[in-house]
């Protein structure tokens, strides 16, 4: 009887925490010259699934572009997604994963070009 009650309690706790887990996330960044807006949007069906992430870039007069990927992380927020602008044209975007391994993306942009890729 005691083991059944313990098992039932554990199942209830898991159900409650699964219901409260964050399923969407958004982190936004604007370049120092205010010409580039980068949005990291993420969704996942449940806490055990990876995040489906899109890095969206709207730069100068270009149409918004994006890069899609999966990330294994407990959360997507401004603590584990960083934007390191070297200057107005060059940004290193880093997404820290659950296992400590970073995913790094190079954004190069000016009024003539926009390039985004994983490095």
PDB file of N, CA and C in Angstrom:
ATOM      1  N   UNK A   1       0.825  -1.192   0.000  1.00  0.00           N
ATOM      2  CA  UNK A   1       0.000   0.000   0.000  1.00  0.00           C
ATOM      3  C   UNK A   1       0.873   1.261   0.000  1.00  0.00           C
ATOM      4  N   UNK A   2       1.942   1.242   0.808  1.00  0.00           N
ATOM      5  CA  UNK A   2       2.809   2.402   0.896  1.00  0.00           C
ATOM      6  C   UNK A   2       3.527   2.650  -0.429  1.00  0.00           C
ATOM      7  N   UNK A   3       3.976   1.590  -1.119  1.00  0.00           N
ATOM      8  CA  UNK A   3       4.664   1.772  -2.396  1.00  0.00           C
ATOM      9  C   UNK A   3       3.699   2.278  -3.474  1.00  0.00           C
ATOM     10  N   UNK A   4       2.443   1.860  -3.404  1.00  0.00           N
ATOM     11  CA  UNK A   4       1.445   2.343  -4.351  1.00  0.00           C
ATOM     12  C   UNK A   4       1.201   3.831  -4.145  1.00  0.00           C
ATOM     13  N   UNK A   5       1.118   4.248  -2.897  1.00  0.00           N
ATOM     14  CA  UNK A   5       0.920   5.659  -2.585  1.00  0.00           C
ATOM     15  C   UNK A   5       2.125   6.491  -3.033  1.00  0.00           C
ATOM     16  N   UNK A   6       3.314   5.975  -2.826  1.00  0.00           N
ATOM     17  CA  UNK A   6       4.526   6.674  -3.257  1.00  0.00           C
ATOM     18  C   UNK A   6       4.560   6.808  -4.775  1.00  0.00           C
ATOM     19  N   UNK A   7       4.249   5.734  -5.469  1.00  0.00           N
ATOM     20  CA  UNK A   7       4.224   5.759  -6.930  1.00  0.00           C
ATOM     21  C   UNK A   7       3.189   6.746  -7.443  1.00  0.00           C
ATOM     22  N   UNK A   8       2.020   6.736  -6.842  1.00  0.00           N
ATOM     23  CA  UNK A   8       0.961   7.663  -7.235  1.00  0.00           C
ATOM     24  C   UNK A   8       1.382   9.113  -6.989  1.00  0.00           C
ATOM     25  N   UNK A   9       2.053   9.356  -5.886  1.00  0.00           N
ATOM     26  CA  UNK A   9       2.536  10.708  -5.575  1.00  0.00           C
ATOM     27  C   UNK A   9       3.551  11.177  -6.611  1.00  0.00           C
ATOM     28  N   UNK A  10       4.454  10.300  -6.999  1.00  0.00           N
ATOM     29  CA  UNK A  10       5.475  10.651  -7.995  1.00  0.00           C
ATOM     30  C   UNK A  10       4.816  10.959  -9.338  1.00  0.00           C
ATOM     31  N   UNK A  11       3.848  10.153  -9.727  1.00  0.00           N
ATOM     32  CA  UNK A  11       3.144  10.381 -10.985  1.00  0.00           C
ATOM     33  C   UNK A  11       2.420  11.727 -10.957  1.00  0.00           C
ATOM     34  N   UNK A  12       1.778  12.047  -9.856  1.00  0.00           N
ATOM     35  CA  UNK A  12       1.078  13.338  -9.725  1.00  0.00           C
ATOM     36  C   UNK A  12       2.049  14.504  -9.846  1.00  0.00           C
ATOM     37  N   UNK A  13       3.196  14.400  -9.197  1.00  0.00           N
ATOM     38  CA  UNK A  13       4.195  15.471  -9.269  1.00  0.00           C
ATOM     39  C   UNK A  13       4.685  15.640 -10.703  1.00  0.00           C
ATOM     40  N   UNK A  14       4.945  14.533 -11.400  1.00  0.00           N
ATOM     41  CA  UNK A  14       5.394  14.611 -12.787  1.00  0.00           C
ATOM     42  C   UNK A  14       4.344  15.240 -13.694  1.00  0.00           C
ATOM     43  N   UNK A  15       3.100  14.886 -13.482  1.00  0.00           N
ATOM     44  CA  UNK A  15       2.025  15.456 -14.294  1.00  0.00           C
ATOM     45  C   UNK A  15       1.902  16.953 -14.045  1.00  0.00           C
ATOM     46  N   UNK A  16       1.967  17.358 -12.813  1.00  0.00           N
ATOM     47  CA  UNK A  16       1.847  18.785 -12.473  1.00  0.00           C
ATOM     48  C   UNK A  16       3.013  19.576 -13.046  1.00  0.00           C
ATOM     49  N   UNK A  17       4.229  19.059 -12.923  1.00  0.00           N
ATOM     50  CA  UNK A  17       5.380  19.794 -13.456  1.00  0.00           C
ATOM     51  C   UNK A  17       5.382  19.799 -14.969  1.00  0.00           C
ATOM     52  N   UNK A  18       4.920  18.728 -15.593  1.00  0.00           N
ATOM     53  CA  UNK A  18       4.849  18.698 -17.058  1.00  0.00           C
ATOM     54  C   UNK A  18       3.843  19.721 -17.571  1.00  0.00           C
ATOM     55  N   UNK A  19       2.765  19.908 -16.871  1.00  0.00           N
ATOM     56  CA  UNK A  19       1.754  20.884 -17.279  1.00  0.00           C
ATOM     57  C   UNK A  19       2.264  22.314 -17.167  1.00  0.00           C
ATOM     58  N   UNK A  20       3.177  22.557 -16.243  1.00  0.00           N
ATOM     59  CA  UNK A  20       3.664  23.907 -16.011  1.00  0.00           C
ATOM     60  C   UNK A  20       4.936  24.231 -16.784  1.00  0.00           C
ATOM     61  N   UNK A  21       5.501  23.253 -17.511  1.00  0.00           N
ATOM     62  CA  UNK A  21       6.731  23.512 -18.243  1.00  0.00           C
ATOM     63  C   UNK A  21       6.501  24.502 -19.366  1.00  0.00           C
ATOM     64  N   UNK A  22       7.485  25.321 -19.570  1.00  0.00           N
ATOM     65  CA  UNK A  22       7.452  26.330 -20.612  1.00  0.00           C
ATOM     66  C   UNK A  22       7.507  25.653 -21.981  1.00  0.00           C
ATOM     67  N   UNK A  23       6.624  26.068 -22.886  1.00  0.00           N
ATOM     68  CA  UNK A  23       6.551  25.439 -24.209  1.00  0.00           C
ATOM     69  C   UNK A  23       6.873  26.400 -25.343  1.00  0.00           C
ATOM     70  N   UNK A  24       6.994  27.681 -25.028  1.00  0.00           N
ATOM     71  CA  UNK A  24       7.394  28.664 -26.031  1.00  0.00           C
ATOM     72  C   UNK A  24       8.400  29.629 -25.407  1.00  0.00           C
ATOM     73  N   UNK A  25       9.237  30.191 -26.257  1.00  0.00           N
ATOM     74  CA  UNK A  25      10.241  31.137 -25.767  1.00  0.00           C
ATOM     75  C   UNK A  25      10.580  32.129 -26.875  1.00  0.00           C
ATOM     76  N   UNK A  26      10.997  33.309 -26.472  1.00  0.00           N
ATOM     77  CA  UNK A  26      11.415  34.348 -27.405  1.00  0.00           C
ATOM     78  C   UNK A  26      12.527  35.173 -26.760  1.00  0.00           C
ATOM     79  N   UNK A  27      13.624  35.319 -27.495  1.00  0.00           N
ATOM     80  CA  UNK A  27      14.719  36.195 -27.075  1.00  0.00           C
ATOM     81  C   UNK A  27      14.997  37.116 -28.254  1.00  0.00           C
ATOM     82  N   UNK A  28      14.997  38.421 -28.000  1.00  0.00           N
ATOM     83  CA  UNK A  28      15.175  39.412 -29.067  1.00  0.00           C
ATOM     84  C   UNK A  28      16.419  40.245 -28.803  1.00  0.00           C
ATOM     85  N   UNK A  29      17.089  40.641 -29.898  1.00  0.00           N
ATOM     86  CA  UNK A  29      18.267  41.485 -29.784  1.00  0.00           C
ATOM     87  C   UNK A  29      18.282  42.466 -30.945  1.00  0.00           C
ATOM     88  N   UNK A  30      18.733  43.688 -30.686  1.00  0.00           N
ATOM     89  CA  UNK A  30      18.861  44.717 -31.711  1.00  0.00           C
ATOM     90  C   UNK A  30      20.321  45.134 -31.779  1.00  0.00           C
ATOM     91  N   UNK A  31      20.831  45.273 -32.996  1.00  0.00           N
ATOM     92  CA  UNK A  31      22.233  45.629 -33.199  1.00  0.00           C
ATOM     93  C   UNK A  31      22.534  47.014 -32.632  1.00  0.00           C
ATOM     94  N   UNK A  32      23.811  47.294 -32.378  1.00  0.00           N
ATOM     95  CA  UNK A  32      24.176  48.612 -31.845  1.00  0.00           C
ATOM     96  C   UNK A  32      23.733  49.776 -32.742  1.00  0.00           C
ATOM     97  N   UNK A  33      23.720  49.571 -34.069  1.00  0.00           N
ATOM     98  CA  UNK A  33      23.306  50.657 -34.969  1.00  0.00           C
ATOM     99  C   UNK A  33      21.799  50.650 -35.245  1.00  0.00           C
ATOM    100  N   UNK A  34      21.074  49.741 -34.576  1.00  0.00           N
ATOM    101  CA  UNK A  34      19.609  49.646 -34.665  1.00  0.00           C
ATOM    102  C   UNK A  34      19.096  49.240 -36.056  1.00  0.00           C
ATOM    103  N   UNK A  35      19.949  48.680 -36.899  1.00  0.00           N
ATOM    104  CA  UNK A  35      19.560  48.286 -38.251  1.00  0.00           C
ATOM    105  C   UNK A  35      19.240  46.794 -38.382  1.00  0.00           C
ATOM    106  N   UNK A  36      19.566  46.008 -37.347  1.00  0.00           N
ATOM    107  CA  UNK A  36      19.375  44.559 -37.409  1.00  0.00           C
ATOM    108  C   UNK A  36      18.627  44.102 -36.160  1.00  0.00           C
ATOM    109  N   UNK A  37      17.523  43.395 -36.376  1.00  0.00           N
ATOM    110  CA  UNK A  37      16.768  42.789 -35.273  1.00  0.00           C
ATOM    111  C   UNK A  37      16.861  41.281 -35.415  1.00  0.00           C
ATOM    112  N   UNK A  38      17.275  40.636 -34.357  1.00  0.00           N
ATOM    113  CA  UNK A  38      17.405  39.177 -34.338  1.00  0.00           C
ATOM    114  C   UNK A  38      16.475  38.628 -33.272  1.00  0.00           C
ATOM    115  N   UNK A  39      15.676  37.634 -33.675  1.00  0.00           N
ATOM    116  CA  UNK A  39      14.750  36.982 -32.748  1.00  0.00           C
ATOM    117  C   UNK A  39      15.041  35.491 -32.728  1.00  0.00           C
ATOM    118  N   UNK A  40      15.183  34.961 -31.540  1.00  0.00           N
ATOM    119  CA  UNK A  40      15.308  33.515 -31.361  1.00  0.00           C
ATOM    120  C   UNK A  40      13.972  33.055 -30.793  1.00  0.00           C
ATOM    121  N   UNK A  41      13.191  32.350 -31.621  1.00  0.00           N
ATOM    122  CA  UNK A  41      11.901  31.832 -31.182  1.00  0.00           C
ATOM    123  C   UNK A  41      12.027  30.323 -31.031  1.00  0.00           C
ATOM    124  N   UNK A  42      11.348  29.779 -30.014  1.00  0.00           N
ATOM    125  CA  UNK A  42      11.459  28.350 -29.747  1.00  0.00           C
ATOM    126  C   UNK A  42      10.126  27.795 -29.262  1.00  0.00           C
ATOM    127  N   UNK A  43       9.849  26.576 -29.680  1.00  0.00           N
ATOM    128  CA  UNK A  43       8.650  25.864 -29.231  1.00  0.00           C
ATOM    129  C   UNK A  43       9.010  24.404 -28.986  1.00  0.00           C
ATOM    130  N   UNK A  44       8.218  23.778 -28.128  1.00  0.00           N
ATOM    131  CA  UNK A  44       8.350  22.337 -27.907  1.00  0.00           C
ATOM    132  C   UNK A  44       7.032  21.817 -27.340  1.00  0.00           C
ATOM    133  N   UNK A  45       6.663  20.584 -27.726  1.00  0.00           N
ATOM    134  CA  UNK A  45       5.393  20.030 -27.253  1.00  0.00           C
ATOM    135  C   UNK A  45       5.411  19.664 -25.772  1.00  0.00           C
ATOM    136  N   UNK A  46       6.568  19.228 -25.264  1.00  0.00           N
ATOM    137  CA  UNK A  46       6.656  18.840 -23.853  1.00  0.00           C
ATOM    138  C   UNK A  46       8.081  19.020 -23.364  1.00  0.00           C
ATOM    139  N   UNK A  47       8.267  18.883 -22.060  1.00  0.00           N
ATOM    140  CA  UNK A  47       9.574  19.104 -21.443  1.00  0.00           C
ATOM    141  C   UNK A  47      10.621  18.085 -21.869  1.00  0.00           C
ATOM    142  N   UNK A  48      10.213  16.932 -22.345  1.00  0.00           N
ATOM    143  CA  UNK A  48      11.178  15.903 -22.737  1.00  0.00           C
ATOM    144  C   UNK A  48      11.603  16.045 -24.198  1.00  0.00           C
ATOM    145  N   UNK A  49      10.930  16.904 -24.954  1.00  0.00           N
ATOM    146  CA  UNK A  49      11.256  17.108 -26.365  1.00  0.00           C
ATOM    147  C   UNK A  49      12.300  18.200 -26.522  1.00  0.00           C
ATOM    148  N   UNK A  50      13.063  18.157 -27.626  1.00  0.00           N
ATOM    149  CA  UNK A  50      13.992  19.263 -27.884  1.00  0.00           C
ATOM    150  C   UNK A  50      13.224  20.512 -28.303  1.00  0.00           C
ATOM    151  N   UNK A  51      13.857  21.646 -28.140  1.00  0.00           N
ATOM    152  CA  UNK A  51      13.283  22.902 -28.610  1.00  0.00           C
ATOM    153  C   UNK A  51      13.442  22.970 -30.124  1.00  0.00           C
ATOM    154  N   UNK A  52      12.403  23.364 -30.826  1.00  0.00           N
ATOM    155  CA  UNK A  52      12.482  23.677 -32.248  1.00  0.00           C
ATOM    156  C   UNK A  52      12.703  25.188 -32.324  1.00  0.00           C
ATOM    157  N   UNK A  53      13.890  25.557 -32.745  1.00  0.00           N
ATOM    158  CA  UNK A  53      14.338  26.947 -32.673  1.00  0.00           C
ATOM    159  C   UNK A  53      14.446  27.536 -34.074  1.00  0.00           C
ATOM    160  N   UNK A  54      14.036  28.781 -34.196  1.00  0.00           N
ATOM    161  CA  UNK A  54      14.270  29.567 -35.402  1.00  0.00           C
ATOM    162  C   UNK A  54      15.014  30.834 -34.992  1.00  0.00           C
ATOM    163  N   UNK A  55      16.113  31.077 -35.663  1.00  0.00           N
ATOM    164  CA  UNK A  55      16.825  32.341 -35.504  1.00  0.00           C
ATOM    165  C   UNK A  55      16.400  33.203 -36.686  1.00  0.00           C
ATOM    166  N   UNK A  56      15.634  34.255 -36.409  1.00  0.00           N
ATOM    167  CA  UNK A  56      15.100  35.128 -37.457  1.00  0.00           C
ATOM    168  C   UNK A  56      15.881  36.436 -37.465  1.00  0.00           C
ATOM    169  N   UNK A  57      16.237  36.875 -38.662  1.00  0.00           N
ATOM    170  CA  UNK A  57      17.012  38.107 -38.806  1.00  0.00           C
ATOM    171  C   UNK A  57      16.296  39.035 -39.777  1.00  0.00           C
ATOM    172  N   UNK A  58      16.041  40.240 -39.320  1.00  0.00           N
ATOM    173  CA  UNK A  58      15.504  41.310 -40.164  1.00  0.00           C
ATOM    174  C   UNK A  58      16.564  42.403 -40.178  1.00  0.00           C
ATOM    175  N   UNK A  59      17.227  42.563 -41.344  1.00  0.00           N
ATOM    176  CA  UNK A  59      18.343  43.499 -41.443  1.00  0.00           C
ATOM    177  C   UNK A  59      18.123  44.481 -42.582  1.00  0.00           C
ATOM    178  N   UNK A  60      18.344  45.738 -42.282  1.00  0.00           N
ATOM    179  CA  UNK A  60      18.263  46.811 -43.259  1.00  0.00           C
ATOM    180  C   UNK A  60      16.965  46.685 -44.056  1.00  0.00           C
ATOM    181  N   UNK A  61      17.038  46.685 -45.389  1.00  0.00           N
ATOM    182  CA  UNK A  61      15.841  46.592 -46.224  1.00  0.00           C
ATOM    183  C   UNK A  61      15.595  45.176 -46.733  1.00  0.00           C
ATOM    184  N   UNK A  62      16.339  44.201 -46.219  1.00  0.00           N
ATOM    185  CA  UNK A  62      16.185  42.820 -46.667  1.00  0.00           C
ATOM    186  C   UNK A  62      14.927  42.191 -46.067  1.00  0.00           C
ATOM    187  N   UNK A  63      14.381  41.221 -46.784  1.00  0.00           N
ATOM    188  CA  UNK A  63      13.276  40.425 -46.272  1.00  0.00           C
ATOM    189  C   UNK A  63      13.801  39.583 -45.094  1.00  0.00           C
ATOM    190  N   UNK A  64      12.938  39.364 -44.098  1.00  0.00           N
ATOM    191  CA  UNK A  64      13.350  38.574 -42.935  1.00  0.00           C
ATOM    192  C   UNK A  64      13.749  37.169 -43.370  1.00  0.00           C
ATOM    193  N   UNK A  65      14.883  36.706 -42.862  1.00  0.00           N
ATOM    194  CA  UNK A  65      15.352  35.347 -43.121  1.00  0.00           C
ATOM    195  C   UNK A  65      15.460  34.593 -41.816  1.00  0.00           C
ATOM    196  N   UNK A  66      15.582  33.271 -41.907  1.00  0.00           N
ATOM    197  CA  UNK A  66      15.666  32.490 -40.684  1.00  0.00           C
ATOM    198  C   UNK A  66      16.484  31.226 -40.891  1.00  0.00           C
ATOM    199  N   UNK A  67      16.919  30.674 -39.786  1.00  0.00           N
ATOM    200  CA  UNK A  67      17.648  29.413 -39.722  1.00  0.00           C
ATOM    201  C   UNK A  67      16.927  28.550 -38.698  1.00  0.00           C
ATOM    202  N   UNK A  68      16.589  27.304 -39.057  1.00  0.00           N
ATOM    203  CA  UNK A  68      15.863  26.400 -38.154  1.00  0.00           C
ATOM    204  C   UNK A  68      16.797  25.321 -37.628  1.00  0.00           C
ATOM    205  N   UNK A  69      16.600  24.933 -36.359  1.00  0.00           N
ATOM    206  CA  UNK A  69      17.412  23.900 -35.741  1.00  0.00           C
ATOM    207  C   UNK A  69      16.703  23.351 -34.515  1.00  0.00           C
ATOM    208  N   UNK A  70      17.246  22.279 -33.965  1.00  0.00           N
ATOM    209  CA  UNK A  70      16.758  21.724 -32.699  1.00  0.00           C
ATOM    210  C   UNK A  70      17.828  21.933 -31.639  1.00  0.00           C
ATOM    211  N   UNK A  71      17.383  22.263 -30.435  1.00  0.00           N
ATOM    212  CA  UNK A  71      18.297  22.505 -29.323  1.00  0.00           C
ATOM    213  C   UNK A  71      17.813  21.715 -28.118  1.00  0.00           C
ATOM    214  N   UNK A  72      18.731  21.017 -27.479  1.00  0.00           N
ATOM    215  CA  UNK A  72      18.430  20.296 -26.241  1.00  0.00           C
ATOM    216  C   UNK A  72      18.857  21.169 -25.070  1.00  0.00           C
ATOM    217  N   UNK A  73      17.873  21.810 -24.458  1.00  0.00           N
ATOM    218  CA  UNK A  73      18.125  22.729 -23.353  1.00  0.00           C
ATOM    219  C   UNK A  73      16.922  22.716 -22.427  1.00  0.00           C
ATOM    220  N   UNK A  74      17.152  23.034 -21.153  1.00  0.00           N
ATOM    221  CA  UNK A  74      16.043  23.102 -20.211  1.00  0.00           C
ATOM    222  C   UNK A  74      15.148  24.303 -20.509  1.00  0.00           C
ATOM    223  N   UNK A  75      15.757  25.372 -21.006  1.00  0.00           N
ATOM    224  CA  UNK A  75      15.001  26.583 -21.287  1.00  0.00           C
ATOM    225  C   UNK A  75      15.716  27.357 -22.385  1.00  0.00           C
ATOM    226  N   UNK A  76      14.991  28.208 -23.034  1.00  0.00           N
ATOM    227  CA  UNK A  76      15.555  29.167 -23.977  1.00  0.00           C
ATOM    228  C   UNK A  76      15.220  30.537 -23.404  1.00  0.00           C
ATOM    229  N   UNK A  77      16.270  31.275 -23.023  1.00  0.00           N
ATOM    230  CA  UNK A  77      16.055  32.582 -22.407  1.00  0.00           C
ATOM    231  C   UNK A  77      17.292  33.445 -22.610  1.00  0.00           C
ATOM    232  N   UNK A  78      17.264  34.661 -22.081  1.00  0.00           N
ATOM    233  CA  UNK A  78      18.396  35.570 -22.280  1.00  0.00           C
ATOM    234  C   UNK A  78      19.635  35.197 -21.471  1.00  0.00           C
ATOM    235  N   UNK A  79      19.547  34.156 -20.670  1.00  0.00           N
ATOM    236  CA  UNK A  79      20.730  33.683 -19.941  1.00  0.00           C
ATOM    237  C   UNK A  79      21.519  32.655 -20.740  1.00  0.00           C
ATOM    238  N   UNK A  80      20.818  31.835 -21.547  1.00  0.00           N
ATOM    239  CA  UNK A  80      21.555  30.830 -22.318  1.00  0.00           C
ATOM    240  C   UNK A  80      21.569  31.121 -23.820  1.00  0.00           C
ATOM    241  N   UNK A  81      21.021  32.261 -24.227  1.00  0.00           N
ATOM    242  CA  UNK A  81      21.141  32.744 -25.602  1.00  0.00           C
ATOM    243  C   UNK A  81      21.822  34.103 -25.528  1.00  0.00           C
ATOM    244  N   UNK A  82      23.017  34.199 -26.120  1.00  0.00           N
ATOM    245  CA  UNK A  82      23.767  35.458 -26.046  1.00  0.00           C
ATOM    246  C   UNK A  82      24.079  35.989 -27.439  1.00  0.00           C
ATOM    247  N   UNK A  83      24.184  37.305 -27.512  1.00  0.00           N
ATOM    248  CA  UNK A  83      24.510  38.005 -28.750  1.00  0.00           C
ATOM    249  C   UNK A  83      25.748  38.842 -28.469  1.00  0.00           C
ATOM    250  N   UNK A  84      26.847  38.525 -29.145  1.00  0.00           N
ATOM    251  CA  UNK A  84      28.106  39.247 -28.939  1.00  0.00           C
ATOM    252  C   UNK A  84      28.424  40.020 -30.223  1.00  0.00           C
ATOM    253  N   UNK A  85      28.048  41.302 -30.231  1.00  0.00           N
ATOM    254  CA  UNK A  85      28.300  42.148 -31.388  1.00  0.00           C
ATOM    255  C   UNK A  85      29.743  42.640 -31.334  1.00  0.00           C
ATOM    256  N   UNK A  86      30.534  42.248 -32.337  1.00  0.00           N
ATOM    257  CA  UNK A  86      31.935  42.717 -32.431  1.00  0.00           C
ATOM    258  C   UNK A  86      31.958  44.153 -32.953  1.00  0.00           C
ATOM    259  N   UNK A  87      31.049  44.435 -33.876  1.00  0.00           N
ATOM    260  CA  UNK A  87      30.828  45.768 -34.423  1.00  0.00           C
ATOM    261  C   UNK A  87      29.423  45.766 -35.025  1.00  0.00           C
ATOM    262  N   UNK A  88      29.074  46.766 -35.808  1.00  0.00           N
ATOM    263  CA  UNK A  88      27.720  46.846 -36.381  1.00  0.00           C
ATOM    264  C   UNK A  88      27.440  45.774 -37.434  1.00  0.00           C
ATOM    265  N   UNK A  89      28.470  45.060 -37.895  1.00  0.00           N
ATOM    266  CA  UNK A  89      28.319  44.105 -38.986  1.00  0.00           C
ATOM    267  C   UNK A  89      28.495  42.652 -38.578  1.00  0.00           C
ATOM    268  N   UNK A  90      28.988  42.378 -37.395  1.00  0.00           N
ATOM    269  CA  UNK A  90      29.441  41.042 -37.043  1.00  0.00           C
ATOM    270  C   UNK A  90      28.956  40.659 -35.644  1.00  0.00           C
ATOM    271  N   UNK A  91      28.146  39.599 -35.571  1.00  0.00           N
ATOM    272  CA  UNK A  91      27.612  39.155 -34.284  1.00  0.00           C
ATOM    273  C   UNK A  91      27.791  37.641 -34.131  1.00  0.00           C
ATOM    274  N   UNK A  92      28.209  37.230 -32.962  1.00  0.00           N
ATOM    275  CA  UNK A  92      28.287  35.813 -32.620  1.00  0.00           C
ATOM    276  C   UNK A  92      27.110  35.493 -31.697  1.00  0.00           C
ATOM    277  N   UNK A  93      26.230  34.600 -32.170  1.00  0.00           N
ATOM    278  CA  UNK A  93      25.061  34.176 -31.396  1.00  0.00           C
ATOM    279  C   UNK A  93      25.379  32.805 -30.812  1.00  0.00           C
ATOM    280  N   UNK A  94      25.222  32.665 -29.501  1.00  0.00           N
ATOM    281  CA  UNK A  94      25.526  31.397 -28.836  1.00  0.00           C
ATOM    282  C   UNK A  94      24.301  30.922 -28.070  1.00  0.00           C
ATOM    283  N   UNK A  95      23.971  29.635 -28.259  1.00  0.00           N
ATOM    284  CA  UNK A  95      22.894  29.002 -27.507  1.00  0.00           C
ATOM    285  C   UNK A  95      23.514  27.874 -26.700  1.00  0.00           C
ATOM    286  N   UNK A  96      23.463  27.996 -25.387  1.00  0.00           N
ATOM    287  CA  UNK A  96      24.032  26.995 -24.497  1.00  0.00           C
ATOM    288  C   UNK A  96      23.049  25.836 -24.332  1.00  0.00           C
ATOM    289  N   UNK A  97      23.512  24.618 -24.545  1.00  0.00           N
ATOM    290  CA  UNK A  97      22.658  23.438 -24.434  1.00  0.00           C
ATOM    291  C   UNK A  97      22.755  22.816 -23.047  1.00  0.00           C
ATOM    292  N   UNK A  98      21.881  21.871 -22.799  1.00  0.00           N
ATOM    293  CA  UNK A  98      21.791  21.197 -21.504  1.00  0.00           C
ATOM    294  C   UNK A  98      23.111  20.526 -21.110  1.00  0.00           C
ATOM    295  N   UNK A  99      23.794  19.920 -22.091  1.00  0.00           N
ATOM    296  CA  UNK A  99      25.032  19.203 -21.797  1.00  0.00           C
ATOM    297  C   UNK A  99      26.245  20.120 -21.689  1.00  0.00           C
ATOM    298  N   UNK A 100      26.016  21.426 -21.793  1.00  0.00           N
ATOM    299  CA  UNK A 100      27.108  22.392 -21.674  1.00  0.00           C
ATOM    300  C   UNK A 100      27.754  22.747 -23.001  1.00  0.00           C
ATOM    301  N   UNK A 101      27.413  22.011 -24.059  1.00  0.00           N
ATOM    302  CA  UNK A 101      27.987  22.281 -25.374  1.00  0.00           C
ATOM    303  C   UNK A 101      27.259  23.454 -26.024  1.00  0.00           C
ATOM    304  N   UNK A 102      27.999  24.485 -26.423  1.00  0.00           N
ATOM    305  CA  UNK A 102      27.346  25.634 -27.059  1.00  0.00           C
ATOM    306  C   UNK A 102      27.111  25.383 -28.542  1.00  0.00           C
ATOM    307  N   UNK A 103      26.020  25.939 -29.064  1.00  0.00           N
ATOM    308  CA  UNK A 103      25.792  26.017 -30.513  1.00  0.00           C
ATOM    309  C   UNK A 103      26.083  27.467 -30.872  1.00  0.00           C
ATOM    310  N   UNK A 104      26.984  27.677 -31.848  1.00  0.00           N
ATOM    311  CA  UNK A 104      27.410  29.032 -32.204  1.00  0.00           C
ATOM    312  C   UNK A 104      27.039  29.343 -33.644  1.00  0.00           C
ATOM    313  N   UNK A 105      26.585  30.583 -33.855  1.00  0.00           N
ATOM    314  CA  UNK A 105      26.133  31.038 -35.161  1.00  0.00           C
ATOM    315  C   UNK A 105      26.758  32.397 -35.444  1.00  0.00           C
ATOM    316  N   UNK A 106      27.266  32.547 -36.658  1.00  0.00           N
ATOM    317  CA  UNK A 106      27.878  33.804 -37.070  1.00  0.00           C
ATOM    318  C   UNK A 106      26.879  34.576 -37.926  1.00  0.00           C
ATOM    319  N   UNK A 107      26.625  35.820 -37.551  1.00  0.00           N
ATOM    320  CA  UNK A 107      25.767  36.712 -38.317  1.00  0.00           C
ATOM    321  C   UNK A 107      26.637  37.834 -38.873  1.00  0.00           C
ATOM    322  N   UNK A 108      26.665  37.924 -40.203  1.00  0.00           N
ATOM    323  CA  UNK A 108      27.380  38.995 -40.885  1.00  0.00           C
ATOM    324  C   UNK A 108      26.350  39.779 -41.680  1.00  0.00           C
ATOM    325  N   UNK A 109      26.309  41.081 -41.477  1.00  0.00           N
ATOM    326  CA  UNK A 109      25.293  41.876 -42.159  1.00  0.00           C
ATOM    327  C   UNK A 109      25.741  43.319 -42.340  1.00  0.00           C
ATOM    328  N   UNK A 110      25.343  43.865 -43.456  1.00  0.00           N
ATOM    329  CA  UNK A 110      25.448  45.304 -43.717  1.00  0.00           C
ATOM    330  C   UNK A 110      24.368  45.630 -44.738  1.00  0.00           C
ATOM    331  N   UNK A 111      24.385  46.801 -45.296  1.00  0.00           N
ATOM    332  CA  UNK A 111      23.308  47.204 -46.202  1.00  0.00           C
ATOM    333  C   UNK A 111      23.330  46.440 -47.523  1.00  0.00           C
ATOM    334  N   UNK A 112      24.401  45.648 -47.792  1.00  0.00           N
ATOM    335  CA  UNK A 112      24.515  44.897 -49.045  1.00  0.00           C
ATOM    336  C   UNK A 112      24.337  43.392 -48.894  1.00  0.00           C
ATOM    337  N   UNK A 113      24.417  42.874 -47.680  1.00  0.00           N
ATOM    338  CA  UNK A 113      24.366  41.422 -47.497  1.00  0.00           C
ATOM    339  C   UNK A 113      23.892  41.035 -46.099  1.00  0.00           C
ATOM    340  N   UNK A 114      23.348  39.807 -46.000  1.00  0.00           N
ATOM    341  CA  UNK A 114      23.011  39.197 -44.716  1.00  0.00           C
ATOM    342  C   UNK A 114      23.412  37.733 -44.813  1.00  0.00           C
ATOM    343  N   UNK A 115      24.246  37.291 -43.886  1.00  0.00           N
ATOM    344  CA  UNK A 115      24.671  35.900 -43.858  1.00  0.00           C
ATOM    345  C   UNK A 115      24.547  35.397 -42.421  1.00  0.00           C
ATOM    346  N   UNK A 116      23.955  34.206 -42.267  1.00  0.00           N
ATOM    347  CA  UNK A 116      23.824  33.578 -40.972  1.00  0.00           C
ATOM    348  C   UNK A 116      24.105  32.105 -41.133  1.00  0.00           C
ATOM    349  N   UNK A 117      25.014  31.584 -40.330  1.00  0.00           N
ATOM    350  CA  UNK A 117      25.332  30.159 -40.408  1.00  0.00           C
ATOM    351  C   UNK A 117      25.937  29.661 -39.124  1.00  0.00           C
ATOM    352  N   UNK A 118      25.819  28.355 -38.914  1.00  0.00           N
ATOM    353  CA  UNK A 118      26.400  27.741 -37.720  1.00  0.00           C
ATOM    354  C   UNK A 118      27.891  27.551 -37.944  1.00  0.00           C
ATOM    355  N   UNK A 119      28.657  27.816 -36.905  1.00  0.00           N
ATOM    356  CA  UNK A 119      30.120  27.651 -36.990  1.00  0.00           C
ATOM    357  C   UNK A 119      30.577  26.599 -35.993  1.00  0.00           C
TER     358      UNK A 119
END
